[in-house]
Amino acid sequence: MFAAERRQLILEMVRANGAVSLRELARVVQTSEVTVRRDVRALEAEGLLDRRHGGAVLPGGFTRESGFPQKSHLATAEKTAIADLAAGLVEEGEAIVVGAGTTTQELARRLARVPGLTVVTNSLLVAQALAHANRVEVVMTGGTLRGSNYALVGSGAEQSLQGLRVSRAFLSGSGLTAERGLSTSNMLSASVDRALVQAAAEVVVLADHTKLGTDTMFQTVPTDVITRLVTDEPPAHDDRAATELQALADQGVQIAVAGGSAASPNAGPGADSVPAGRQPRRDVPLPGQRRNHGAGPGQQLRSALLGEQPPGERSARVADLRRR
């Protein structure tokens, strides 16, 4: 296939789906990802599409958000590995909140095996994945259905979260940077995600490498509020994603990377329960613990949002949640 034919086919696929991964493009046009990446770069120079880590999307910048059908075909293997690893962080009898997204949907499918679990969610897809789990209680927020991602949003969703307190929140989004943290392209989704954060003692972000270094319109979780990032191994050529990971670690975010062959000696809770071949390559703090152990601006913001208490009091509160 000539370059012009390849690029026309790539453009047609992106226009039909909204977003397509490089892997899928390479499979359809029957060439290497290196060649497809070069084609995508040329099409972007003409203003016909936008590049994203691991794929291509319709042009639109900060204002455009792909719908569920498009997102579900991006980085599917990576999302599976992330969900496998993140599920190992959840303990029996725990109370958690799980936000909307294709990666959190994968996580929910694995949480169905955790006995005594209580899951609060605004996602119909998360609730559906847990609907037949015998020993998992699912609590849905109120709100207005947003059809593009099957999530409940609006004031009803936010009000139903007031007064709620759980051990941790699992969230995904459209982009993640060390400068702004987690972000999304939709204002209503961002507002509900912020309410989910306020309900949790810890925040775990699930983001594959295609979202690292991507900044979208509405901030949902500032970097200094993120406790842990669960991600996948960036490709060797993806210097931007690797740099962003290091910058996040330097700001104190614990990084767990799925896809390694063995668990790190510093692996966090639940790492031993991750299936073989899905162990974290590293679970840190990587270089750069929280640098200010006093009440600096970041710590003050974290305390304000999360009602942070000393470790002993937090443990007692989480234990009380589990008894309930």
Foldseek 3Di string as FASTA:
>chain_A
DDLVVLLVVLLVVQVVQQKAFLVVSCVVVVHDSVSSVVSLVVCVVVVQWADFQGIIGGDDAQQDDGFPRNQCNGPVVFLLLLLLQVLLQDAALFEEEEEFDNSSLSNLLSVLPRANYEYEYQAPSSCVSNVPSPRYHYHYFAADADPRGRGHWDPRRLVSLPPAAGAEYEYEEQAAFLQFGGFHSDPRSLVNLLSSLLRHLAYEYEDELRRYPGDHDGGRDGLLRHAEYRYEDRPPVCVRSVVRVVSSLQQAYWYWYFQDQDADPPDDGSQVVRDGRGHTPDTDSDPHHNPDPDCDPSNVVNCVRHVHDPPVVSVVVRVVSSVD
